[in-house]
Each structure stands twice: as structure tokens, then as C-alpha cells.
């Protein structure tokens, strides 16, 4: 795995944790230094196979 891919995976892992903790995708993108929420979504989907909104919905279910 290249250093760039490792860094991307770590940022996506951190974004997933932030989103599961209740943050919005916009907030996660801002906190983790992504260019935009769209950029986070594109990279996130590439690595996780599902968009960040999927995990946002999971976080809502776990709190209800």
C-alpha cells in the first residue's frame, strides 16, 4: 500500500468515526481537511464502498 493510500484510508476511518459520533458530513469534511463534502464523499465511497450518508443513517438509528 502506498503512503498516499494509507493516509487516505486513515482520514476516511477518522471521518467514519466522526460521522458515527453524530457529526454531519460537512462538519467531518471540514474537521479532517477535505476540500469539500463532495470530495470526502467521493474518497469515502471509493474506500468504504458506501457513501458517508449511509453511516450517518446508522448513527441516527443507534441513538433512537
C-alpha atoms as a PDB file:
ATOM      1  CA  UNK A   1       0.000   0.000   0.000  1.00  0.00           C
ATOM      2  CA  UNK A   2       1.363   3.401  -0.936  1.00  0.00           C
ATOM      3  CA  UNK A   3       1.784   6.098   1.714  1.00  0.00           C
ATOM      4  CA  UNK A   4      -0.883   8.180  -0.049  1.00  0.00           C
ATOM      5  CA  UNK A   5      -3.418   5.330   0.057  1.00  0.00           C
ATOM      6  CA  UNK A   6      -2.601   4.682   3.724  1.00  0.00           C
ATOM      7  CA  UNK A   7      -3.193   8.366   4.536  1.00  0.00           C
ATOM      8  CA  UNK A   8      -6.492   8.355   2.628  1.00  0.00           C
ATOM      9  CA  UNK A   9      -7.686   5.256   4.467  1.00  0.00           C
ATOM     10  CA  UNK A  10      -6.792   6.780   7.822  1.00  0.00           C
ATOM     11  CA  UNK A  11      -8.637  10.018   7.018  1.00  0.00           C
ATOM     12  CA  UNK A  12     -11.691   8.052   5.896  1.00  0.00           C
ATOM     13  CA  UNK A  13     -11.525   5.934   9.064  1.00  0.00           C
ATOM     14  CA  UNK A  14     -11.425   9.133  11.128  1.00  0.00           C
ATOM     15  CA  UNK A  15     -14.314  10.602   9.106  1.00  0.00           C
ATOM     16  CA  UNK A  16     -16.350   7.459   9.696  1.00  0.00           C
ATOM     17  CA  UNK A  17     -15.797   7.751  13.462  1.00  0.00           C
ATOM     18  CA  UNK A  18     -16.763  11.433  13.462  1.00  0.00           C
ATOM     19  CA  UNK A  19     -19.897  10.752  11.408  1.00  0.00           C
ATOM     20  CA  UNK A  20     -20.910   7.795  13.569  1.00  0.00           C
ATOM     21  CA  UNK A  21     -20.486  10.065  16.603  1.00  0.00           C
ATOM     22  CA  UNK A  22     -23.153  12.351  15.159  1.00  0.00           C
ATOM     23  CA  UNK A  23     -21.307  14.961  13.083  1.00  0.00           C
ATOM     24  CA  UNK A  24     -22.604  15.970   9.675  1.00  0.00           C
ATOM     25  CA  UNK A  25     -20.706  15.086   6.516  1.00  0.00           C
ATOM     26  CA  UNK A  26     -19.959  18.808   6.056  1.00  0.00           C
ATOM     27  CA  UNK A  27     -18.520  19.018   9.557  1.00  0.00           C
ATOM     28  CA  UNK A  28     -16.448  15.851   9.111  1.00  0.00           C
ATOM     29  CA  UNK A  29     -15.022  17.170   5.835  1.00  0.00           C
ATOM     30  CA  UNK A  30     -14.105  20.463   7.461  1.00  0.00           C
ATOM     31  CA  UNK A  31     -12.537  18.878  10.563  1.00  0.00           C
ATOM     32  CA  UNK A  32     -10.422  16.440   8.574  1.00  0.00           C
ATOM     33  CA  UNK A  33      -9.196  18.819   5.902  1.00  0.00           C
ATOM     34  CA  UNK A  34     -11.070  17.574   2.849  1.00  0.00           C
ATOM     35  CA  UNK A  35     -11.535  20.161   0.086  1.00  0.00           C
ATOM     36  CA  UNK A  36     -15.320  19.839   0.291  1.00  0.00           C
ATOM     37  CA  UNK A  37     -18.041  17.458   1.475  1.00  0.00           C
ATOM     38  CA  UNK A  38     -18.221  16.187  -2.119  1.00  0.00           C
ATOM     39  CA  UNK A  39     -14.502  15.347  -2.040  1.00  0.00           C
ATOM     40  CA  UNK A  40     -14.942  13.477   1.250  1.00  0.00           C
ATOM     41  CA  UNK A  41     -17.931  11.614  -0.163  1.00  0.00           C
ATOM     42  CA  UNK A  42     -16.052  10.578  -3.300  1.00  0.00           C
ATOM     43  CA  UNK A  43     -12.984   9.300  -1.418  1.00  0.00           C
ATOM     44  CA  UNK A  44     -15.137   7.739   1.326  1.00  0.00           C
ATOM     45  CA  UNK A  45     -17.246   5.798  -1.180  1.00  0.00           C
ATOM     46  CA  UNK A  46     -14.146   4.659  -3.044  1.00  0.00           C
ATOM     47  CA  UNK A  47     -12.630   3.204   0.139  1.00  0.00           C
ATOM     48  CA  UNK A  48     -15.694   2.071   2.135  1.00  0.00           C
ATOM     49  CA  UNK A  49     -17.900   1.014  -0.760  1.00  0.00           C
ATOM     50  CA  UNK A  50     -20.763   3.065   0.672  1.00  0.00           C
ATOM     51  CA  UNK A  51     -21.247   6.831   0.895  1.00  0.00           C
ATOM     52  CA  UNK A  52     -20.838   8.634   4.227  1.00  0.00           C
ATOM     53  CA  UNK A  53     -24.592   9.322   4.389  1.00  0.00           C
ATOM     54  CA  UNK A  54     -25.076   5.561   4.850  1.00  0.00           C
ATOM     55  CA  UNK A  55     -23.063   5.738   8.083  1.00  0.00           C
ATOM     56  CA  UNK A  56     -24.866   8.940   9.098  1.00  0.00           C
ATOM     57  CA  UNK A  57     -28.140   6.997   8.903  1.00  0.00           C
ATOM     58  CA  UNK A  58     -26.597   4.229  11.021  1.00  0.00           C
ATOM     59  CA  UNK A  59     -25.612   6.755  13.678  1.00  0.00           C
ATOM     60  CA  UNK A  60     -29.190   8.051  13.831  1.00  0.00           C
ATOM     61  CA  UNK A  61     -30.554   4.533  14.288  1.00  0.00           C
ATOM     62  CA  UNK A  62     -28.164   3.771  17.132  1.00  0.00           C
ATOM     63  CA  UNK A  63     -29.351   6.851  19.061  1.00  0.00           C
ATOM     64  CA  UNK A  64     -33.071   6.214  18.532  1.00  0.00           C
END
